[in-house]
Amino acid sequence: MSKGFEAFKNTLSPQSLKSIYDETKLEIADDHAEGTEAFSVALASQMAINLIEAYQRWLAEQEKEEG
């Protein structure tokens, strides 16, 4: 099975992306007021981190399946 990022991207549905987005908003809500530039920057940064973490979990699952 391909471990490329493209294969991972194909597994992301609008629902899974919304879930990651909602989780991200909760993670930064206490630190920044929504609608501010600081909130937008924090949201983008944390969203990137959460997507990388999701990719790492996906890779680990792929390795278990190949096993």
C-alpha atoms as a PDB file:
ATOM      1  CA  MET A   1       0.000   0.000   0.000  1.00  0.00           C
ATOM      2  CA  SER A   2       1.294   3.459  -0.831  1.00  0.00           C
ATOM      3  CA  LYS A   3       2.482   5.536   2.088  1.00  0.00           C
ATOM      4  CA  GLY A   4       2.533   8.752   0.143  1.00  0.00           C
ATOM      5  CA  PHE A   5       0.891  11.881   1.407  1.00  0.00           C
ATOM      6  CA  GLU A   6      -1.412  11.797  -1.634  1.00  0.00           C
ATOM      7  CA  ALA A   7      -2.808   8.460  -0.445  1.00  0.00           C
ATOM      8  CA  PHE A   8      -3.408   9.985   2.993  1.00  0.00           C
ATOM      9  CA  LYS A   9      -5.096  13.040   1.494  1.00  0.00           C
ATOM     10  CA  ASN A  10      -7.484  10.748  -0.354  1.00  0.00           C
ATOM     11  CA  THR A  11      -8.650   9.382   3.013  1.00  0.00           C
ATOM     12  CA  LEU A  12      -9.666  12.829   4.282  1.00  0.00           C
ATOM     13  CA  SER A  13     -13.368  13.463   3.956  1.00  0.00           C
ATOM     14  CA  PRO A  14     -15.036  16.825   4.533  1.00  0.00           C
ATOM     15  CA  GLN A  15     -16.330  15.391   7.811  1.00  0.00           C
ATOM     16  CA  SER A  16     -12.884  14.313   9.020  1.00  0.00           C
ATOM     17  CA  LEU A  17     -11.415  17.710   8.107  1.00  0.00           C
ATOM     18  CA  LYS A  18     -14.255  19.449   9.968  1.00  0.00           C
ATOM     19  CA  SER A  19     -13.552  17.273  12.990  1.00  0.00           C
ATOM     20  CA  ILE A  20      -9.867  18.257  12.927  1.00  0.00           C
ATOM     21  CA  TYR A  21     -10.847  21.911  12.475  1.00  0.00           C
ATOM     22  CA  ASP A  22     -13.291  21.787  15.415  1.00  0.00           C
ATOM     23  CA  GLU A  23     -10.671  20.107  17.607  1.00  0.00           C
ATOM     24  CA  THR A  24      -8.165  22.781  16.616  1.00  0.00           C
ATOM     25  CA  LYS A  25     -10.564  25.607  17.493  1.00  0.00           C
ATOM     26  CA  LEU A  26     -11.079  24.109  20.935  1.00  0.00           C
ATOM     27  CA  GLU A  27      -7.334  23.778  21.469  1.00  0.00           C
ATOM     28  CA  ILE A  28      -6.661  27.460  20.844  1.00  0.00           C
ATOM     29  CA  ALA A  29      -9.905  28.973  22.185  1.00  0.00           C
ATOM     30  CA  ASP A  30      -8.468  29.846  25.605  1.00  0.00           C
ATOM     31  CA  ASP A  31      -5.420  31.598  24.176  1.00  0.00           C
ATOM     32  CA  HIS A  32      -6.860  33.841  21.447  1.00  0.00           C
ATOM     33  CA  ALA A  33     -10.103  35.693  20.734  1.00  0.00           C
ATOM     34  CA  GLU A  34     -11.862  34.354  17.661  1.00  0.00           C
ATOM     35  CA  GLY A  35     -11.802  36.770  14.749  1.00  0.00           C
ATOM     36  CA  THR A  36      -8.437  38.299  15.603  1.00  0.00           C
ATOM     37  CA  GLU A  37      -5.314  37.992  13.516  1.00  0.00           C
ATOM     38  CA  ALA A  38      -3.641  36.129  16.378  1.00  0.00           C
ATOM     39  CA  PHE A  39      -6.505  33.615  16.357  1.00  0.00           C
ATOM     40  CA  SER A  40      -6.160  33.103  12.597  1.00  0.00           C
ATOM     41  CA  VAL A  41      -2.412  32.533  12.855  1.00  0.00           C
ATOM     42  CA  ALA A  42      -2.797  30.185  15.820  1.00  0.00           C
ATOM     43  CA  LEU A  43      -5.596  28.309  14.048  1.00  0.00           C
ATOM     44  CA  ALA A  44      -3.543  27.823  10.890  1.00  0.00           C
ATOM     45  CA  SER A  45      -0.472  26.744  12.842  1.00  0.00           C
ATOM     46  CA  GLN A  46      -2.343  24.297  15.073  1.00  0.00           C
ATOM     47  CA  MET A  47      -4.341  22.947  12.130  1.00  0.00           C
ATOM     48  CA  ALA A  48      -1.083  22.129  10.353  1.00  0.00           C
ATOM     49  CA  ILE A  49       0.186  20.340  13.456  1.00  0.00           C
ATOM     50  CA  ASN A  50      -3.050  18.384  13.834  1.00  0.00           C
ATOM     51  CA  LEU A  51      -2.972  17.310  10.192  1.00  0.00           C
ATOM     52  CA  ILE A  52       0.624  16.120  10.554  1.00  0.00           C
ATOM     53  CA  GLU A  53      -0.367  14.162  13.657  1.00  0.00           C
ATOM     54  CA  ALA A  54      -3.281  12.611  11.746  1.00  0.00           C
ATOM     55  CA  TYR A  55      -0.864  11.670   8.955  1.00  0.00           C
ATOM     56  CA  GLN A  56       1.508  10.055  11.460  1.00  0.00           C
ATOM     57  CA  ARG A  57      -1.368   8.012  12.946  1.00  0.00           C
ATOM     58  CA  TRP A  58      -2.389   6.979   9.430  1.00  0.00           C
ATOM     59  CA  LEU A  59       1.186   5.893   8.633  1.00  0.00           C
ATOM     60  CA  ALA A  60       1.319   3.804  11.808  1.00  0.00           C
ATOM     61  CA  GLU A  61      -1.955   2.121  10.847  1.00  0.00           C
ATOM     62  CA  GLN A  62      -0.614   1.401   7.366  1.00  0.00           C
ATOM     63  CA  GLU A  63       2.520  -0.189   8.829  1.00  0.00           C
ATOM     64  CA  LYS A  64       0.410  -2.412  11.118  1.00  0.00           C
ATOM     65  CA  GLU A  65      -1.697  -3.551   8.163  1.00  0.00           C
ATOM     66  CA  GLU A  66       1.388  -4.390   6.135  1.00  0.00           C
ATOM     67  CA  GLY A  67       2.885  -6.073   8.970  1.00  0.00           C
END
